[in-house]
Amino acid sequence: MDLILKATLGAAVVVILAALAKTRNYYIAGLVPLFPTFALIAHYIVGKGRSIDDLKTTIVFGMWSIIPYFVYLATLYVMVDKMRLEASLAVAAVAWLMAATALVSIWVRLHT
């Protein structure tokens, strides 16, 4: 039953995104995926299972995680003029992965 609920929620988000993309305010479709669904779950789990200091560390790391997302968006913005959409998305995803890897590597070095 839990899996059905999650799949239904995922499908609902896709329907909302598709509907928003067809409106005159289509750009709002870029905001919907940023609703902190997984962050809420992660913060609840860390907050219940670890110390407040650990939760605060998780929150600060989450703030820094905006950098890889920005790298993804900036890369996609540049690439959509140069390649097909699918290729642009793939390049932007790789750029996100590289930025996220760098972020984690730097974080580990500074916080261990």
Protein backbone atom coordinates (compact mmCIF):
# COMPACT_ATOMS: atom_id res chain seq x y z
CA MET A 1 0.00 0.00 0.00
CA ASP A 2 2.88 2.37 0.83
CA LEU A 3 4.40 1.83 -2.62
CA ILE A 4 1.06 2.60 -4.29
CA LEU A 5 0.81 5.88 -2.36
CA LYS A 6 4.33 6.90 -3.40
CA ALA A 7 3.66 6.03 -7.04
CA THR A 8 0.40 7.98 -6.94
CA LEU A 9 2.16 11.03 -5.47
CA GLY A 10 4.86 10.80 -8.13
CA ALA A 11 2.27 10.56 -10.87
CA ALA A 12 0.40 13.54 -9.39
CA VAL A 13 3.57 15.64 -9.52
CA VAL A 14 4.09 14.70 -13.19
CA VAL A 15 0.49 15.68 -13.97
CA ILE A 16 0.95 19.01 -12.16
CA LEU A 17 4.18 19.67 -14.06
CA ALA A 18 2.55 18.83 -17.40
CA ALA A 19 -0.44 21.04 -16.62
CA LEU A 20 1.76 23.96 -15.52
CA ALA A 21 3.91 23.62 -18.65
CA LYS A 22 0.81 24.31 -20.76
CA THR A 23 -0.22 27.49 -18.92
CA ARG A 24 0.94 31.02 -19.63
CA ASN A 25 2.95 30.73 -16.38
CA TYR A 26 4.82 27.66 -17.73
CA TYR A 27 8.03 28.66 -15.90
CA ILE A 28 6.44 27.74 -12.56
CA ALA A 29 6.96 24.12 -13.65
CA GLY A 30 10.61 24.73 -12.72
CA LEU A 31 9.63 25.47 -9.11
CA VAL A 32 7.46 22.42 -8.39
CA PRO A 33 10.31 19.85 -8.38
CA LEU A 34 12.09 21.98 -5.79
CA PHE A 35 9.43 21.43 -3.15
CA PRO A 36 11.50 19.90 -0.36
CA THR A 37 9.71 16.54 -0.22
CA PHE A 38 12.87 14.48 0.25
CA ALA A 39 14.47 17.13 2.43
CA LEU A 40 11.49 16.98 4.80
CA ILE A 41 11.85 13.21 5.02
CA ALA A 42 15.63 13.36 5.48
CA HIS A 43 15.44 16.08 8.12
CA TYR A 44 12.76 14.19 10.01
CA ILE A 45 14.78 10.96 9.97
CA VAL A 46 18.04 12.68 10.98
CA GLY A 47 16.23 14.83 13.56
CA LYS A 48 14.59 11.80 15.16
CA GLY A 49 17.58 9.49 15.04
CA ARG A 50 20.54 11.77 15.70
CA SER A 51 21.49 14.86 17.68
CA ILE A 52 20.36 18.42 16.95
CA ASP A 53 23.97 19.21 15.96
CA ASP A 54 23.85 16.41 13.39
CA LEU A 55 20.56 17.77 12.07
CA LYS A 56 22.05 21.26 11.82
CA THR A 57 25.04 19.84 9.93
CA THR A 58 22.63 18.12 7.53
CA ILE A 59 20.79 21.42 7.04
CA VAL A 60 24.00 23.34 6.32
CA PHE A 61 25.13 20.69 3.83
CA GLY A 62 21.72 21.02 2.19
CA MET A 63 22.32 24.75 1.80
CA TRP A 64 25.62 24.04 0.02
CA SER A 65 23.87 21.49 -2.21
CA ILE A 66 22.29 24.39 -4.06
CA ILE A 67 25.63 24.79 -5.87
CA PRO A 68 25.40 21.56 -7.92
CA TYR A 69 21.81 22.41 -8.85
CA PHE A 70 22.93 25.86 -10.00
CA VAL A 71 25.70 24.22 -12.06
CA TYR A 72 23.06 21.95 -13.65
CA LEU A 73 20.81 24.90 -14.52
CA ALA A 74 23.66 27.07 -15.84
CA THR A 75 24.98 24.22 -17.98
CA LEU A 76 21.53 23.44 -19.35
CA TYR A 77 20.93 27.13 -20.11
CA VAL A 78 24.10 27.28 -22.21
CA MET A 79 23.74 23.86 -23.85
CA VAL A 80 20.15 24.16 -25.12
CA ASP A 81 21.39 26.63 -27.74
CA LYS A 82 24.17 24.29 -28.87
CA MET A 83 22.70 20.74 -28.90
CA ARG A 84 19.49 18.75 -28.93
CA LEU A 85 17.44 18.88 -25.74
CA GLU A 86 18.20 15.29 -24.75
CA ALA A 87 21.94 15.80 -25.16
CA SER A 88 21.75 19.10 -23.27
CA LEU A 89 19.96 17.39 -20.38
CA ALA A 90 22.57 14.63 -20.32
CA VAL A 91 25.46 17.12 -20.28
CA ALA A 92 23.77 19.14 -17.54
CA ALA A 93 23.20 15.98 -15.47
CA VAL A 94 26.89 15.08 -15.80
CA ALA A 95 27.81 18.64 -14.76
CA TRP A 96 25.56 18.23 -11.69
CA LEU A 97 27.23 14.92 -10.87
CA MET A 98 30.70 16.46 -11.14
CA ALA A 99 29.72 19.44 -8.97
CA ALA A 100 28.05 17.17 -6.40
CA THR A 101 31.12 14.94 -6.28
CA ALA A 102 33.35 17.97 -5.75
CA LEU A 103 31.03 19.28 -3.02
CA VAL A 104 31.04 15.97 -1.13
CA SER A 105 34.82 15.62 -1.49
CA ILE A 106 35.44 19.12 -0.15
CA TRP A 107 32.89 18.66 2.64
CA VAL A 108 34.50 15.41 3.78
CA ARG A 109 37.96 16.99 3.83
CA LEU A 110 36.77 19.98 5.86
CA HIS A 111 34.54 18.09 8.31
CA THR A 112 36.48 14.98 9.27
